[in-house]
């Protein structure tokens, strides 16, 4: 799966990008037709929960999308991954029926 990470208004460090890629690679267990992922990292103007992560998974005939905000990019990524797992499981069930 090809992962495209874009950080908006800041430069993401290599550790964060590797963390995101590792988490996204685990999604292939739930749905094997994932072509790629677009990840957007944003800093909001809010003082506390200002780290926003948006992930769009490209799947033939279907795109899964999740966005979450929290205190850290890692936590936001984990929350997005959980939401995407649910979406992928439902999409796989639809394909079976």
PDB file of N, CA and C in Angstrom:
ATOM      1  N   UNK A   1       0.840  -1.171   0.000  1.00  0.00           N
ATOM      2  CA  UNK A   1       0.000   0.000   0.000  1.00  0.00           C
ATOM      3  C   UNK A   1       0.885   1.235   0.000  1.00  0.00           C
ATOM      4  N   UNK A   2       0.550   2.163  -0.861  1.00  0.00           N
ATOM      5  CA  UNK A   2       1.300   3.419  -0.945  1.00  0.00           C
ATOM      6  C   UNK A   2       0.676   4.429   0.013  1.00  0.00           C
ATOM      7  N   UNK A   3       1.498   4.987   0.887  1.00  0.00           N
ATOM      8  CA  UNK A   3       1.024   5.942   1.881  1.00  0.00           C
ATOM      9  C   UNK A   3       1.589   7.319   1.561  1.00  0.00           C
ATOM     10  N   UNK A   4       0.704   8.302   1.460  1.00  0.00           N
ATOM     11  CA  UNK A   4       1.090   9.677   1.190  1.00  0.00           C
ATOM     12  C   UNK A   4       0.749  10.506   2.429  1.00  0.00           C
ATOM     13  N   UNK A   5       1.775  11.029   3.120  1.00  0.00           N
ATOM     14  CA  UNK A   5       1.562  11.811   4.338  1.00  0.00           C
ATOM     15  C   UNK A   5       1.860  13.275   4.046  1.00  0.00           C
ATOM     16  N   UNK A   6       0.892  14.137   4.358  1.00  0.00           N
ATOM     17  CA  UNK A   6       1.078  15.578   4.179  1.00  0.00           C
ATOM     18  C   UNK A   6       0.850  16.261   5.517  1.00  0.00           C
ATOM     19  N   UNK A   7       1.827  17.033   5.941  1.00  0.00           N
ATOM     20  CA  UNK A   7       1.673  17.811   7.172  1.00  0.00           C
ATOM     21  C   UNK A   7       1.444  19.266   6.790  1.00  0.00           C
ATOM     22  N   UNK A   8       0.411  19.841   7.369  1.00  0.00           N
ATOM     23  CA  UNK A   8       0.008  21.200   7.019  1.00  0.00           C
ATOM     24  C   UNK A   8       0.375  22.145   8.156  1.00  0.00           C
ATOM     25  N   UNK A   9       1.101  23.199   7.824  1.00  0.00           N
ATOM     26  CA  UNK A   9       1.566  24.235   8.758  1.00  0.00           C
ATOM     27  C   UNK A   9       2.698  23.776   9.679  1.00  0.00           C
ATOM     28  N   UNK A  10       3.312  22.617   9.404  1.00  0.00           N
ATOM     29  CA  UNK A  10       4.471  22.174  10.163  1.00  0.00           C
ATOM     30  C   UNK A  10       5.148  21.038   9.396  1.00  0.00           C
ATOM     31  N   UNK A  11       6.329  20.643   9.862  1.00  0.00           N
ATOM     32  CA  UNK A  11       7.046  19.517   9.264  1.00  0.00           C
ATOM     33  C   UNK A  11       6.969  18.324  10.202  1.00  0.00           C
ATOM     34  N   UNK A  12       6.409  17.221   9.713  1.00  0.00           N
ATOM     35  CA  UNK A  12       6.300  16.005  10.521  1.00  0.00           C
ATOM     36  C   UNK A  12       7.659  15.322  10.586  1.00  0.00           C
ATOM     37  N   UNK A  13       8.011  14.817  11.763  1.00  0.00           N
ATOM     38  CA  UNK A  13       9.287  14.119  11.890  1.00  0.00           C
ATOM     39  C   UNK A  13       9.162  12.684  11.373  1.00  0.00           C
ATOM     40  N   UNK A  14      10.296  12.075  11.146  1.00  0.00           N
ATOM     41  CA  UNK A  14      10.354  10.750  10.546  1.00  0.00           C
ATOM     42  C   UNK A  14       9.694   9.698  11.435  1.00  0.00           C
ATOM     43  N   UNK A  15       9.831   9.837  12.753  1.00  0.00           N
ATOM     44  CA  UNK A  15       9.236   8.880  13.689  1.00  0.00           C
ATOM     45  C   UNK A  15       7.718   8.849  13.547  1.00  0.00           C
ATOM     46  N   UNK A  16       7.107  10.021  13.426  1.00  0.00           N
ATOM     47  CA  UNK A  16       5.656  10.109  13.297  1.00  0.00           C
ATOM     48  C   UNK A  16       5.193   9.466  11.995  1.00  0.00           C
ATOM     49  N   UNK A  17       5.889   9.720  10.925  1.00  0.00           N
ATOM     50  CA  UNK A  17       5.528   9.141   9.633  1.00  0.00           C
ATOM     51  C   UNK A  17       5.658   7.622   9.666  1.00  0.00           C
ATOM     52  N   UNK A  18       6.723   7.115  10.284  1.00  0.00           N
ATOM     53  CA  UNK A  18       6.903   5.668  10.403  1.00  0.00           C
ATOM     54  C   UNK A  18       5.801   5.049  11.270  1.00  0.00           C
ATOM     55  N   UNK A  19       5.414   5.750  12.328  1.00  0.00           N
ATOM     56  CA  UNK A  19       4.336   5.278  13.199  1.00  0.00           C
ATOM     57  C   UNK A  19       3.035   5.144  12.403  1.00  0.00           C
ATOM     58  N   UNK A  20       2.716   6.157  11.607  1.00  0.00           N
ATOM     59  CA  UNK A  20       1.491   6.146  10.806  1.00  0.00           C
ATOM     60  C   UNK A  20       1.526   5.021   9.776  1.00  0.00           C
ATOM     61  N   UNK A  21       2.659   4.862   9.101  1.00  0.00           N
ATOM     62  CA  UNK A  21       2.778   3.807   8.093  1.00  0.00           C
ATOM     63  C   UNK A  21       2.630   2.420   8.716  1.00  0.00           C
ATOM     64  N   UNK A  22       3.186   2.234   9.901  1.00  0.00           N
ATOM     65  CA  UNK A  22       3.082   0.946  10.592  1.00  0.00           C
ATOM     66  C   UNK A  22       1.634   0.642  10.954  1.00  0.00           C
ATOM     67  N   UNK A  23       0.933   1.639  11.471  1.00  0.00           N
ATOM     68  CA  UNK A  23      -0.470   1.450  11.846  1.00  0.00           C
ATOM     69  C   UNK A  23      -1.329   1.159  10.615  1.00  0.00           C
ATOM     70  N   UNK A  24      -1.087   1.874   9.525  1.00  0.00           N
ATOM     71  CA  UNK A  24      -1.872   1.668   8.312  1.00  0.00           C
ATOM     72  C   UNK A  24      -1.628   0.296   7.694  1.00  0.00           C
ATOM     73  N   UNK A  25      -0.415  -0.211   7.803  1.00  0.00           N
ATOM     74  CA  UNK A  25      -0.115  -1.525   7.232  1.00  0.00           C
ATOM     75  C   UNK A  25      -0.925  -2.627   7.914  1.00  0.00           C
ATOM     76  N   UNK A  26      -1.305  -2.422   9.168  1.00  0.00           N
ATOM     77  CA  UNK A  26      -2.099  -3.419   9.889  1.00  0.00           C
ATOM     78  C   UNK A  26      -3.532  -3.495   9.359  1.00  0.00           C
ATOM     79  N   UNK A  27      -3.989  -2.460   8.667  1.00  0.00           N
ATOM     80  CA  UNK A  27      -5.348  -2.473   8.126  1.00  0.00           C
ATOM     81  C   UNK A  27      -5.511  -3.474   6.983  1.00  0.00           C
ATOM     82  N   UNK A  28      -4.410  -3.877   6.373  1.00  0.00           N
ATOM     83  CA  UNK A  28      -4.486  -4.836   5.270  1.00  0.00           C
ATOM     84  C   UNK A  28      -4.980  -6.197   5.744  1.00  0.00           C
ATOM     85  N   UNK A  29      -4.931  -6.462   7.052  1.00  0.00           N
ATOM     86  CA  UNK A  29      -5.482  -7.704   7.607  1.00  0.00           C
ATOM     87  C   UNK A  29      -7.004  -7.713   7.498  1.00  0.00           C
ATOM     88  N   UNK A  30      -7.611  -6.530   7.551  1.00  0.00           N
ATOM     89  CA  UNK A  30      -9.056  -6.420   7.528  1.00  0.00           C
ATOM     90  C   UNK A  30      -9.629  -6.351   6.118  1.00  0.00           C
ATOM     91  N   UNK A  31      -8.845  -5.814   5.184  1.00  0.00           N
ATOM     92  CA  UNK A  31      -9.305  -5.669   3.800  1.00  0.00           C
ATOM     93  C   UNK A  31      -8.065  -5.664   2.918  1.00  0.00           C
ATOM     94  N   UNK A  32      -7.949  -6.657   2.042  1.00  0.00           N
ATOM     95  CA  UNK A  32      -6.714  -6.799   1.267  1.00  0.00           C
ATOM     96  C   UNK A  32      -6.684  -6.015  -0.037  1.00  0.00           C
ATOM     97  N   UNK A  33      -7.756  -5.288  -0.366  1.00  0.00           N
ATOM     98  CA  UNK A  33      -7.790  -4.553  -1.628  1.00  0.00           C
ATOM     99  C   UNK A  33      -7.417  -3.088  -1.518  1.00  0.00           C
ATOM    100  N   UNK A  34      -6.745  -2.693  -0.440  1.00  0.00           N
ATOM    101  CA  UNK A  34      -6.393  -1.285  -0.244  1.00  0.00           C
ATOM    102  C   UNK A  34      -5.265  -0.908  -1.208  1.00  0.00           C
ATOM    103  N   UNK A  35      -5.507   0.108  -2.010  1.00  0.00           N
ATOM    104  CA  UNK A  35      -4.515   0.560  -2.991  1.00  0.00           C
ATOM    105  C   UNK A  35      -3.529   1.530  -2.354  1.00  0.00           C
ATOM    106  N   UNK A  36      -4.056   2.489  -1.582  1.00  0.00           N
ATOM    107  CA  UNK A  36      -3.191   3.494  -0.982  1.00  0.00           C
ATOM    108  C   UNK A  36      -3.925   4.268   0.088  1.00  0.00           C
ATOM    109  N   UNK A  37      -3.187   5.172   0.719  1.00  0.00           N
ATOM    110  CA  UNK A  37      -3.765   5.988   1.785  1.00  0.00           C
ATOM    111  C   UNK A  37      -3.221   7.406   1.690  1.00  0.00           C
ATOM    112  N   UNK A  38      -4.114   8.360   1.895  1.00  0.00           N
ATOM    113  CA  UNK A  38      -3.724   9.765   1.990  1.00  0.00           C
ATOM    114  C   UNK A  38      -3.943  10.196   3.431  1.00  0.00           C
ATOM    115  N   UNK A  39      -2.883  10.705   4.046  1.00  0.00           N
ATOM    116  CA  UNK A  39      -2.948  11.120   5.449  1.00  0.00           C
ATOM    117  C   UNK A  39      -2.634  12.607   5.522  1.00  0.00           C
ATOM    118  N   UNK A  40      -3.498  13.352   6.204  1.00  0.00           N
ATOM    119  CA  UNK A  40      -3.304  14.788   6.378  1.00  0.00           C
ATOM    120  C   UNK A  40      -3.172  15.076   7.871  1.00  0.00           C
ATOM    121  N   UNK A  41      -2.099  15.735   8.242  1.00  0.00           N
ATOM    122  CA  UNK A  41      -1.843  16.118   9.630  1.00  0.00           C
ATOM    123  C   UNK A  41      -1.976  17.627   9.726  1.00  0.00           C
ATOM    124  N   UNK A  42      -2.813  18.082  10.656  1.00  0.00           N
ATOM    125  CA  UNK A  42      -3.047  19.524  10.798  1.00  0.00           C
ATOM    126  C   UNK A  42      -2.929  19.940  12.255  1.00  0.00           C
ATOM    127  N   UNK A  43      -2.460  21.169  12.436  1.00  0.00           N
ATOM    128  CA  UNK A  43      -2.471  21.806  13.750  1.00  0.00           C
ATOM    129  C   UNK A  43      -3.593  22.823  13.764  1.00  0.00           C
ATOM    130  N   UNK A  44      -4.524  22.671  14.700  1.00  0.00           N
ATOM    131  CA  UNK A  44      -5.624  23.622  14.828  1.00  0.00           C
ATOM    132  C   UNK A  44      -5.249  24.722  15.799  1.00  0.00           C
ATOM    133  N   UNK A  45      -6.087  25.741  15.868  1.00  0.00           N
ATOM    134  CA  UNK A  45      -5.826  26.881  16.742  1.00  0.00           C
ATOM    135  C   UNK A  45      -6.294  26.657  18.170  1.00  0.00           C
ATOM    136  N   UNK A  46      -6.939  25.527  18.437  1.00  0.00           N
ATOM    137  CA  UNK A  46      -7.423  25.243  19.785  1.00  0.00           C
ATOM    138  C   UNK A  46      -6.240  24.957  20.711  1.00  0.00           C
ATOM    139  N   UNK A  47      -6.342  25.343  21.985  1.00  0.00           N
ATOM    140  CA  UNK A  47      -5.204  25.173  22.886  1.00  0.00           C
ATOM    141  C   UNK A  47      -4.938  23.739  23.337  1.00  0.00           C
ATOM    142  N   UNK A  48      -5.964  22.892  23.453  1.00  0.00           N
ATOM    143  CA  UNK A  48      -5.737  21.565  24.030  1.00  0.00           C
ATOM    144  C   UNK A  48      -5.716  20.478  22.957  1.00  0.00           C
ATOM    145  N   UNK A  49      -6.864  20.129  22.437  1.00  0.00           N
ATOM    146  CA  UNK A  49      -6.933  19.065  21.436  1.00  0.00           C
ATOM    147  C   UNK A  49      -6.761  19.671  20.052  1.00  0.00           C
ATOM    148  N   UNK A  50      -5.513  19.944  19.696  1.00  0.00           N
ATOM    149  CA  UNK A  50      -5.258  20.679  18.458  1.00  0.00           C
ATOM    150  C   UNK A  50      -4.558  19.861  17.383  1.00  0.00           C
ATOM    151  N   UNK A  51      -4.407  18.558  17.575  1.00  0.00           N
ATOM    152  CA  UNK A  51      -3.744  17.707  16.586  1.00  0.00           C
ATOM    153  C   UNK A  51      -4.808  16.922  15.821  1.00  0.00           C
ATOM    154  N   UNK A  52      -4.973  17.237  14.545  1.00  0.00           N
ATOM    155  CA  UNK A  52      -6.014  16.610  13.734  1.00  0.00           C
ATOM    156  C   UNK A  52      -5.387  15.708  12.678  1.00  0.00           C
ATOM    157  N   UNK A  53      -5.915  14.503  12.567  1.00  0.00           N
ATOM    158  CA  UNK A  53      -5.460  13.539  11.565  1.00  0.00           C
ATOM    159  C   UNK A  53      -6.654  13.160  10.705  1.00  0.00           C
ATOM    160  N   UNK A  54      -6.455  13.206   9.396  1.00  0.00           N
ATOM    161  CA  UNK A  54      -7.460  12.765   8.428  1.00  0.00           C
ATOM    162  C   UNK A  54      -6.827  11.674   7.574  1.00  0.00           C
ATOM    163  N   UNK A  55      -7.525  10.551   7.451  1.00  0.00           N
ATOM    164  CA  UNK A  55      -7.004   9.434   6.654  1.00  0.00           C
ATOM    165  C   UNK A  55      -8.070   9.016   5.653  1.00  0.00           C
ATOM    166  N   UNK A  56      -7.671   8.943   4.386  1.00  0.00           N
ATOM    167  CA  UNK A  56      -8.549   8.436   3.324  1.00  0.00           C
ATOM    168  C   UNK A  56      -7.868   7.214   2.719  1.00  0.00           C
ATOM    169  N   UNK A  57      -8.552   6.074   2.794  1.00  0.00           N
ATOM    170  CA  UNK A  57      -8.049   4.842   2.192  1.00  0.00           C
ATOM    171  C   UNK A  57      -8.654   4.702   0.804  1.00  0.00           C
ATOM    172  N   UNK A  58      -7.799   4.469  -0.168  1.00  0.00           N
ATOM    173  CA  UNK A  58      -8.268   4.274  -1.540  1.00  0.00           C
ATOM    174  C   UNK A  58      -8.439   2.783  -1.804  1.00  0.00           C
ATOM    175  N   UNK A  59      -9.685   2.415  -2.075  1.00  0.00           N
ATOM    176  CA  UNK A  59     -10.044   1.038  -2.356  1.00  0.00           C
ATOM    177  C   UNK A  59     -10.855   1.070  -3.651  1.00  0.00           C
ATOM    178  N   UNK A  60     -10.616   0.148  -4.590  1.00  0.00           N
ATOM    179  CA  UNK A  60     -11.381   0.171  -5.842  1.00  0.00           C
ATOM    180  C   UNK A  60     -12.893   0.132  -5.580  1.00  0.00           C
ATOM    181  N   UNK A  61     -13.595   1.160  -6.047  1.00  0.00           N
ATOM    182  CA  UNK A  61     -15.034   1.229  -5.880  1.00  0.00           C
ATOM    183  C   UNK A  61     -15.501   1.761  -4.539  1.00  0.00           C
ATOM    184  N   UNK A  62     -14.566   2.114  -3.676  1.00  0.00           N
ATOM    185  CA  UNK A  62     -14.949   2.551  -2.326  1.00  0.00           C
ATOM    186  C   UNK A  62     -13.790   3.304  -1.689  1.00  0.00           C
ATOM    187  N   UNK A  63     -14.070   4.385  -1.014  1.00  0.00           N
ATOM    188  CA  UNK A  63     -13.063   5.104  -0.237  1.00  0.00           C
ATOM    189  C   UNK A  63     -13.517   5.149   1.216  1.00  0.00           C
ATOM    190  N   UNK A  64     -12.638   4.784   2.117  1.00  0.00           N
ATOM    191  CA  UNK A  64     -12.934   4.879   3.553  1.00  0.00           C
ATOM    192  C   UNK A  64     -12.255   6.141   4.072  1.00  0.00           C
ATOM    193  N   UNK A  65     -12.952   6.871   4.946  1.00  0.00           N
ATOM    194  CA  UNK A  65     -12.418   8.127   5.449  1.00  0.00           C
ATOM    195  C   UNK A  65     -12.690   8.248   6.936  1.00  0.00           C
ATOM    196  N   UNK A  66     -11.697   8.773   7.670  1.00  0.00           N
ATOM    197  CA  UNK A  66     -11.870   9.049   9.093  1.00  0.00           C
ATOM    198  C   UNK A  66     -11.032  10.257   9.465  1.00  0.00           C
ATOM    199  N   UNK A  67     -11.564  11.063  10.389  1.00  0.00           N
ATOM    200  CA  UNK A  67     -10.803  12.195  10.910  1.00  0.00           C
ATOM    201  C   UNK A  67     -11.062  12.285  12.411  1.00  0.00           C
ATOM    202  N   UNK A  68      -9.997  12.563  13.154  1.00  0.00           N
ATOM    203  CA  UNK A  68     -10.101  12.669  14.600  1.00  0.00           C
ATOM    204  C   UNK A  68      -9.147  13.751  15.101  1.00  0.00           C
ATOM    205  N   UNK A  69      -9.502  14.340  16.252  1.00  0.00           N
ATOM    206  CA  UNK A  69      -8.660  15.342  16.914  1.00  0.00           C
ATOM    207  C   UNK A  69      -8.378  14.883  18.331  1.00  0.00           C
ATOM    208  N   UNK A  70      -7.156  15.141  18.802  1.00  0.00           N
ATOM    209  CA  UNK A  70      -6.803  14.825  20.186  1.00  0.00           C
ATOM    210  C   UNK A  70      -5.553  15.615  20.575  1.00  0.00           C
ATOM    211  N   UNK A  71      -4.962  15.220  21.685  1.00  0.00           N
ATOM    212  CA  UNK A  71      -3.803  15.941  22.215  1.00  0.00           C
ATOM    213  C   UNK A  71      -2.510  15.610  21.481  1.00  0.00           C
ATOM    214  N   UNK A  72      -2.462  14.452  20.805  1.00  0.00           N
ATOM    215  CA  UNK A  72      -1.244  14.071  20.079  1.00  0.00           C
ATOM    216  C   UNK A  72      -1.618  13.454  18.734  1.00  0.00           C
ATOM    217  N   UNK A  73      -0.704  13.507  17.807  1.00  0.00           N
ATOM    218  CA  UNK A  73      -0.945  12.913  16.494  1.00  0.00           C
ATOM    219  C   UNK A  73      -1.052  11.396  16.592  1.00  0.00           C
ATOM    220  N   UNK A  74      -0.294  10.795  17.505  1.00  0.00           N
ATOM    221  CA  UNK A  74      -0.345   9.346  17.680  1.00  0.00           C
ATOM    222  C   UNK A  74      -1.729   8.907  18.149  1.00  0.00           C
ATOM    223  N   UNK A  75      -2.280   9.626  19.112  1.00  0.00           N
ATOM    224  CA  UNK A  75      -3.606   9.287  19.621  1.00  0.00           C
ATOM    225  C   UNK A  75      -4.662   9.491  18.537  1.00  0.00           C
ATOM    226  N   UNK A  76      -4.573  10.582  17.799  1.00  0.00           N
ATOM    227  CA  UNK A  76      -5.515  10.836  16.708  1.00  0.00           C
ATOM    228  C   UNK A  76      -5.418   9.745  15.646  1.00  0.00           C
ATOM    229  N   UNK A  77      -4.201   9.308  15.352  1.00  0.00           N
ATOM    230  CA  UNK A  77      -4.006   8.236  14.372  1.00  0.00           C
ATOM    231  C   UNK A  77      -4.656   6.949  14.856  1.00  0.00           C
ATOM    232  N   UNK A  78      -4.450   6.597  16.122  1.00  0.00           N
ATOM    233  CA  UNK A  78      -5.056   5.386  16.679  1.00  0.00           C
ATOM    234  C   UNK A  78      -6.578   5.436  16.589  1.00  0.00           C
ATOM    235  N   UNK A  79      -7.161   6.590  16.882  1.00  0.00           N
ATOM    236  CA  UNK A  79      -8.615   6.742  16.817  1.00  0.00           C
ATOM    237  C   UNK A  79      -9.113   6.600  15.376  1.00  0.00           C
ATOM    238  N   UNK A  80      -8.371   7.160  14.435  1.00  0.00           N
ATOM    239  CA  UNK A  80      -8.732   7.019  13.017  1.00  0.00           C
ATOM    240  C   UNK A  80      -8.643   5.566  12.567  1.00  0.00           C
ATOM    241  N   UNK A  81      -7.596   4.886  12.983  1.00  0.00           N
ATOM    242  CA  UNK A  81      -7.399   3.485  12.604  1.00  0.00           C
ATOM    243  C   UNK A  81      -8.558   2.641  13.121  1.00  0.00           C
ATOM    244  N   UNK A  82      -8.985   2.884  14.360  1.00  0.00           N
ATOM    245  CA  UNK A  82     -10.118   2.141  14.919  1.00  0.00           C
ATOM    246  C   UNK A  82     -11.385   2.373  14.092  1.00  0.00           C
ATOM    247  N   UNK A  83     -11.635   3.620  13.709  1.00  0.00           N
ATOM    248  CA  UNK A  83     -12.808   3.933  12.894  1.00  0.00           C
ATOM    249  C   UNK A  83     -12.716   3.267  11.516  1.00  0.00           C
ATOM    250  N   UNK A  84     -11.520   3.256  10.944  1.00  0.00           N
ATOM    251  CA  UNK A  84     -11.342   2.644   9.627  1.00  0.00           C
ATOM    252  C   UNK A  84     -11.500   1.119   9.687  1.00  0.00           C
ATOM    253  N   UNK A  85     -11.064   0.503  10.784  1.00  0.00           N
ATOM    254  CA  UNK A  85     -11.249  -0.945  10.945  1.00  0.00           C
ATOM    255  C   UNK A  85     -12.731  -1.291  10.863  1.00  0.00           C
ATOM    256  N   UNK A  86     -13.543  -0.501  11.544  1.00  0.00           N
ATOM    257  CA  UNK A  86     -14.985  -0.729  11.529  1.00  0.00           C
ATOM    258  C   UNK A  86     -15.544  -0.577  10.118  1.00  0.00           C
ATOM    259  N   UNK A  87     -15.129   0.466   9.419  1.00  0.00           N
ATOM    260  CA  UNK A  87     -15.605   0.697   8.057  1.00  0.00           C
ATOM    261  C   UNK A  87     -15.189  -0.427   7.118  1.00  0.00           C
ATOM    262  N   UNK A  88     -13.942  -0.884   7.249  1.00  0.00           N
ATOM    263  CA  UNK A  88     -13.444  -1.946   6.376  1.00  0.00           C
ATOM    264  C   UNK A  88     -14.155  -3.268   6.644  1.00  0.00           C
ATOM    265  N   UNK A  89     -14.430  -3.545   7.913  1.00  0.00           N
ATOM    266  CA  UNK A  89     -15.138  -4.772   8.265  1.00  0.00           C
ATOM    267  C   UNK A  89     -16.535  -4.765   7.661  1.00  0.00           C
ATOM    268  N   UNK A  90     -17.218  -3.621   7.739  1.00  0.00           N
ATOM    269  CA  UNK A  90     -18.558  -3.503   7.153  1.00  0.00           C
ATOM    270  C   UNK A  90     -18.509  -3.625   5.633  1.00  0.00           C
ATOM    271  N   UNK A  91     -17.511  -3.012   5.009  1.00  0.00           N
ATOM    272  CA  UNK A  91     -17.377  -3.074   3.550  1.00  0.00           C
ATOM    273  C   UNK A  91     -17.111  -4.504   3.092  1.00  0.00           C
ATOM    274  N   UNK A  92     -16.318  -5.228   3.842  1.00  0.00           N
ATOM    275  CA  UNK A  92     -16.009  -6.614   3.496  1.00  0.00           C
ATOM    276  C   UNK A  92     -17.259  -7.488   3.628  1.00  0.00           C
ATOM    277  N   UNK A  93     -18.048  -7.231   4.655  1.00  0.00           N
ATOM    278  CA  UNK A  93     -19.283  -7.976   4.845  1.00  0.00           C
ATOM    279  C   UNK A  93     -20.256  -7.718   3.688  1.00  0.00           C
ATOM    280  N   UNK A  94     -20.311  -6.467   3.227  1.00  0.00           N
ATOM    281  CA  UNK A  94     -21.194  -6.128   2.096  1.00  0.00           C
ATOM    282  C   UNK A  94     -20.768  -6.888   0.833  1.00  0.00           C
ATOM    283  N   UNK A  95     -19.460  -7.008   0.631  1.00  0.00           N
ATOM    284  CA  UNK A  95     -18.960  -7.698  -0.552  1.00  0.00           C
ATOM    285  C   UNK A  95     -19.302  -9.192  -0.504  1.00  0.00           C
ATOM    286  N   UNK A  96     -19.330  -9.759   0.664  1.00  0.00           N
ATOM    287  CA  UNK A  96     -19.619 -11.185   0.809  1.00  0.00           C
ATOM    288  C   UNK A  96     -21.076 -11.498   0.511  1.00  0.00           C
ATOM    289  N   UNK A  97     -21.966 -10.560   0.788  1.00  0.00           N
ATOM    290  CA  UNK A  97     -23.402 -10.831   0.606  1.00  0.00           C
ATOM    291  C   UNK A  97     -23.905 -10.400  -0.751  1.00  0.00           C
TER     292      UNK A  97
END
